[in-house]
Amino acid sequence: MDNQARIERMRSLLTESLNPNHLEIIDDSHLHAGHAGAKSGKGHFSVIIRSKKFEGMTRLKQQQAVFGALGDMMQTDIHALVIKASV
């Protein structure tokens, strides 16, 4: 799967699970060329997400919610993920 397809899948999973009012997914893979994770074919991404579902959650719980929404992609398609989550 190429990174554009990964981004679309990530967008779908995050939207379905967290119903964000703002979602940006940035492909940072080019910044990691030659890195061990890049060699595996997995991508490096940043996610900026705002969702009312994060209300009352600690930062850790917000990140766990994002990881949970992405499910198996964290094992199969994503090597590194920067998360900026807020309500």
N, C-alpha and C. Protein backbone atom coordinates (compact mmCIF):
# COMPACT_ATOMS: atom_id res chain seq x y z
N MET A 1 0.85 -1.17 0.00
CA MET A 1 0.00 0.00 0.00
C MET A 1 0.90 1.24 0.00
N ASP A 2 0.61 2.19 -0.86
CA ASP A 2 1.41 3.41 -0.87
C ASP A 2 0.90 4.36 0.21
N ASN A 3 1.69 5.40 0.49
CA ASN A 3 1.36 6.29 1.61
C ASN A 3 0.07 7.07 1.39
N GLN A 4 -0.28 7.39 0.14
CA GLN A 4 -1.54 8.09 -0.08
C GLN A 4 -2.72 7.19 0.28
N ALA A 5 -2.63 5.92 -0.08
CA ALA A 5 -3.67 4.96 0.28
C ALA A 5 -3.71 4.78 1.80
N ARG A 6 -2.56 4.78 2.43
CA ARG A 6 -2.52 4.68 3.90
C ARG A 6 -3.22 5.87 4.54
N ILE A 7 -2.95 7.06 4.03
CA ILE A 7 -3.57 8.26 4.58
C ILE A 7 -5.09 8.19 4.44
N GLU A 8 -5.57 7.75 3.30
CA GLU A 8 -7.02 7.65 3.11
C GLU A 8 -7.63 6.62 4.06
N ARG A 9 -6.94 5.50 4.26
CA ARG A 9 -7.42 4.49 5.21
C ARG A 9 -7.40 5.03 6.64
N MET A 10 -6.33 5.73 7.00
CA MET A 10 -6.24 6.34 8.33
C MET A 10 -7.38 7.34 8.52
N ARG A 11 -7.62 8.18 7.51
CA ARG A 11 -8.69 9.18 7.59
C ARG A 11 -10.05 8.49 7.81
N SER A 12 -10.29 7.43 7.10
CA SER A 12 -11.54 6.70 7.24
C SER A 12 -11.71 6.11 8.64
N LEU A 13 -10.67 5.44 9.13
CA LEU A 13 -10.73 4.82 10.46
C LEU A 13 -10.90 5.86 11.57
N LEU A 14 -10.14 6.94 11.49
CA LEU A 14 -10.22 7.97 12.53
C LEU A 14 -11.57 8.68 12.50
N THR A 15 -12.08 8.93 11.31
CA THR A 15 -13.38 9.60 11.18
C THR A 15 -14.49 8.72 11.73
N GLU A 16 -14.45 7.45 11.37
CA GLU A 16 -15.47 6.51 11.83
C GLU A 16 -15.47 6.36 13.35
N SER A 17 -14.30 6.28 13.94
CA SER A 17 -14.19 6.01 15.36
C SER A 17 -14.32 7.26 16.24
N LEU A 18 -13.72 8.37 15.79
CA LEU A 18 -13.60 9.54 16.67
C LEU A 18 -14.40 10.76 16.22
N ASN A 19 -15.02 10.69 15.03
CA ASN A 19 -15.86 11.77 14.53
C ASN A 19 -15.21 13.15 14.76
N PRO A 20 -14.02 13.36 14.23
CA PRO A 20 -13.30 14.61 14.51
C PRO A 20 -13.95 15.82 13.82
N ASN A 21 -13.81 16.99 14.45
CA ASN A 21 -14.25 18.22 13.79
C ASN A 21 -13.09 18.86 13.05
N HIS A 22 -11.89 18.31 13.23
CA HIS A 22 -10.71 18.71 12.45
C HIS A 22 -9.77 17.51 12.39
N LEU A 23 -9.26 17.23 11.18
CA LEU A 23 -8.33 16.12 11.02
C LEU A 23 -7.35 16.44 9.90
N GLU A 24 -6.07 16.42 10.24
CA GLU A 24 -5.00 16.55 9.25
C GLU A 24 -4.09 15.35 9.42
N ILE A 25 -3.71 14.75 8.31
CA ILE A 25 -2.75 13.65 8.33
C ILE A 25 -1.62 14.04 7.38
N ILE A 26 -0.42 14.10 7.91
CA ILE A 26 0.74 14.56 7.16
C ILE A 26 1.71 13.40 7.00
N ASP A 27 2.14 13.19 5.76
CA ASP A 27 3.12 12.14 5.47
C ASP A 27 4.52 12.71 5.71
N ASP A 28 5.17 12.24 6.75
CA ASP A 28 6.53 12.68 7.11
C ASP A 28 7.59 11.68 6.66
N SER A 29 7.21 10.71 5.87
CA SER A 29 8.12 9.61 5.50
C SER A 29 9.39 10.11 4.83
N HIS A 30 9.28 11.14 4.01
CA HIS A 30 10.45 11.65 3.29
C HIS A 30 11.52 12.19 4.24
N LEU A 31 11.12 12.54 5.45
CA LEU A 31 12.07 13.05 6.44
C LEU A 31 12.89 11.92 7.08
N HIS A 32 12.49 10.70 6.80
CA HIS A 32 13.12 9.55 7.45
C HIS A 32 13.75 8.59 6.45
N ALA A 33 14.06 9.07 5.27
CA ALA A 33 14.70 8.22 4.25
C ALA A 33 15.99 7.63 4.82
N GLY A 34 16.17 6.34 4.62
CA GLY A 34 17.36 5.66 5.12
C GLY A 34 17.20 5.14 6.54
N HIS A 35 16.18 5.56 7.24
CA HIS A 35 15.89 5.11 8.60
C HIS A 35 15.38 3.66 8.54
N ALA A 36 15.65 2.90 9.57
CA ALA A 36 15.26 1.48 9.59
C ALA A 36 13.78 1.28 9.32
N GLY A 37 12.93 2.14 9.89
CA GLY A 37 11.49 2.02 9.67
C GLY A 37 11.11 2.28 8.23
N ALA A 38 11.83 3.18 7.57
CA ALA A 38 11.55 3.47 6.16
C ALA A 38 11.90 2.26 5.30
N LYS A 39 12.92 1.55 5.67
CA LYS A 39 13.33 0.37 4.91
C LYS A 39 12.28 -0.73 4.96
N SER A 40 11.49 -0.76 6.02
CA SER A 40 10.46 -1.79 6.14
C SER A 40 9.26 -1.50 5.26
N GLY A 41 9.22 -0.30 4.68
CA GLY A 41 8.10 0.07 3.82
C GLY A 41 6.96 0.72 4.55
N LYS A 42 7.06 0.81 5.87
CA LYS A 42 6.00 1.45 6.65
C LYS A 42 6.21 2.97 6.62
N GLY A 43 5.13 3.71 6.90
CA GLY A 43 5.20 5.15 6.81
C GLY A 43 5.38 5.85 8.15
N HIS A 44 5.81 7.10 8.06
CA HIS A 44 5.92 8.01 9.20
C HIS A 44 4.89 9.11 8.99
N PHE A 45 4.04 9.34 9.98
CA PHE A 45 2.94 10.29 9.82
C PHE A 45 2.77 11.17 11.05
N SER A 46 2.18 12.33 10.84
CA SER A 46 1.72 13.20 11.92
C SER A 46 0.21 13.33 11.76
N VAL A 47 -0.50 13.26 12.89
CA VAL A 47 -1.95 13.42 12.90
C VAL A 47 -2.29 14.58 13.83
N ILE A 48 -3.03 15.53 13.28
CA ILE A 48 -3.57 16.64 14.09
C ILE A 48 -5.08 16.41 14.10
N ILE A 49 -5.61 16.18 15.28
CA ILE A 49 -7.02 15.79 15.38
C ILE A 49 -7.69 16.49 16.56
N ARG A 50 -8.89 17.01 16.28
CA ARG A 50 -9.72 17.58 17.34
C ARG A 50 -11.05 16.83 17.33
N SER A 51 -11.45 16.38 18.51
CA SER A 51 -12.69 15.62 18.62
C SER A 51 -13.30 15.84 19.99
N LYS A 52 -14.61 15.99 20.02
CA LYS A 52 -15.31 16.10 21.30
C LYS A 52 -15.20 14.80 22.10
N LYS A 53 -14.90 13.71 21.43
CA LYS A 53 -14.75 12.43 22.13
C LYS A 53 -13.53 12.44 23.05
N PHE A 54 -12.62 13.38 22.87
CA PHE A 54 -11.45 13.48 23.74
C PHE A 54 -11.75 14.22 25.04
N GLU A 55 -12.93 14.80 25.14
CA GLU A 55 -13.27 15.58 26.33
C GLU A 55 -13.16 14.72 27.59
N GLY A 56 -12.43 15.24 28.57
CA GLY A 56 -12.24 14.55 29.84
C GLY A 56 -11.14 13.49 29.81
N MET A 57 -10.52 13.28 28.66
CA MET A 57 -9.45 12.27 28.55
C MET A 57 -8.09 12.92 28.82
N THR A 58 -7.22 12.16 29.44
CA THR A 58 -5.84 12.59 29.57
C THR A 58 -5.18 12.51 28.19
N ARG A 59 -4.03 13.12 28.07
CA ARG A 59 -3.29 13.05 26.81
C ARG A 59 -3.00 11.60 26.42
N LEU A 60 -2.63 10.80 27.40
CA LEU A 60 -2.35 9.39 27.15
C LEU A 60 -3.59 8.67 26.61
N LYS A 61 -4.75 8.91 27.22
CA LYS A 61 -5.99 8.27 26.77
C LYS A 61 -6.37 8.74 25.37
N GLN A 62 -6.11 10.01 25.04
CA GLN A 62 -6.37 10.51 23.69
C GLN A 62 -5.52 9.76 22.68
N GLN A 63 -4.24 9.59 23.01
CA GLN A 63 -3.34 8.88 22.11
C GLN A 63 -3.76 7.42 21.97
N GLN A 64 -4.15 6.81 23.07
CA GLN A 64 -4.61 5.42 23.01
C GLN A 64 -5.87 5.30 22.15
N ALA A 65 -6.74 6.30 22.20
CA ALA A 65 -7.94 6.28 21.36
C ALA A 65 -7.58 6.34 19.88
N VAL A 66 -6.58 7.14 19.54
CA VAL A 66 -6.11 7.23 18.15
C VAL A 66 -5.49 5.89 17.74
N PHE A 67 -4.61 5.34 18.56
CA PHE A 67 -4.01 4.04 18.26
C PHE A 67 -5.09 2.97 18.09
N GLY A 68 -6.07 2.98 18.98
CA GLY A 68 -7.16 2.01 18.90
C GLY A 68 -7.95 2.15 17.62
N ALA A 69 -8.21 3.37 17.20
CA ALA A 69 -8.96 3.61 15.96
C ALA A 69 -8.18 3.10 14.76
N LEU A 70 -6.87 3.23 14.79
CA LEU A 70 -6.04 2.80 13.66
C LEU A 70 -5.81 1.30 13.64
N GLY A 71 -6.04 0.65 14.77
CA GLY A 71 -6.00 -0.81 14.85
C GLY A 71 -4.75 -1.43 14.28
N ASP A 72 -4.94 -2.40 13.39
CA ASP A 72 -3.84 -3.16 12.81
C ASP A 72 -2.87 -2.32 11.98
N MET A 73 -3.31 -1.16 11.53
CA MET A 73 -2.41 -0.31 10.75
C MET A 73 -1.15 0.04 11.53
N MET A 74 -1.27 0.08 12.86
CA MET A 74 -0.10 0.40 13.69
C MET A 74 0.95 -0.70 13.58
N GLN A 75 0.55 -1.89 13.22
CA GLN A 75 1.49 -3.01 13.07
C GLN A 75 1.93 -3.19 11.62
N THR A 76 1.01 -2.92 10.68
CA THR A 76 1.26 -3.29 9.29
C THR A 76 1.70 -2.14 8.39
N ASP A 77 1.31 -0.90 8.71
CA ASP A 77 1.51 0.21 7.78
C ASP A 77 2.19 1.44 8.37
N ILE A 78 2.19 1.56 9.68
CA ILE A 78 2.70 2.78 10.31
C ILE A 78 3.90 2.44 11.18
N HIS A 79 5.04 3.05 10.86
CA HIS A 79 6.24 2.85 11.68
C HIS A 79 6.29 3.87 12.81
N ALA A 80 5.93 5.13 12.51
CA ALA A 80 5.98 6.18 13.53
C ALA A 80 4.79 7.11 13.33
N LEU A 81 4.24 7.57 14.47
CA LEU A 81 3.06 8.42 14.44
C LEU A 81 3.20 9.50 15.50
N VAL A 82 3.16 10.75 15.07
CA VAL A 82 3.12 11.89 15.99
C VAL A 82 1.66 12.30 16.10
N ILE A 83 1.15 12.41 17.31
CA ILE A 83 -0.26 12.74 17.51
C ILE A 83 -0.38 14.05 18.26
N LYS A 84 -1.13 14.98 17.68
CA LYS A 84 -1.50 16.23 18.35
C LYS A 84 -3.02 16.21 18.46
N ALA A 85 -3.52 15.83 19.64
CA ALA A 85 -4.94 15.67 19.84
C ALA A 85 -5.46 16.73 20.80
N SER A 86 -6.69 17.18 20.54
CA SER A 86 -7.33 18.15 21.44
C SER A 86 -8.84 18.05 21.27
N VAL A 87 -9.54 18.71 22.16
CA VAL A 87 -11.02 18.73 22.11
C VAL A 87 -11.45 19.79 21.15
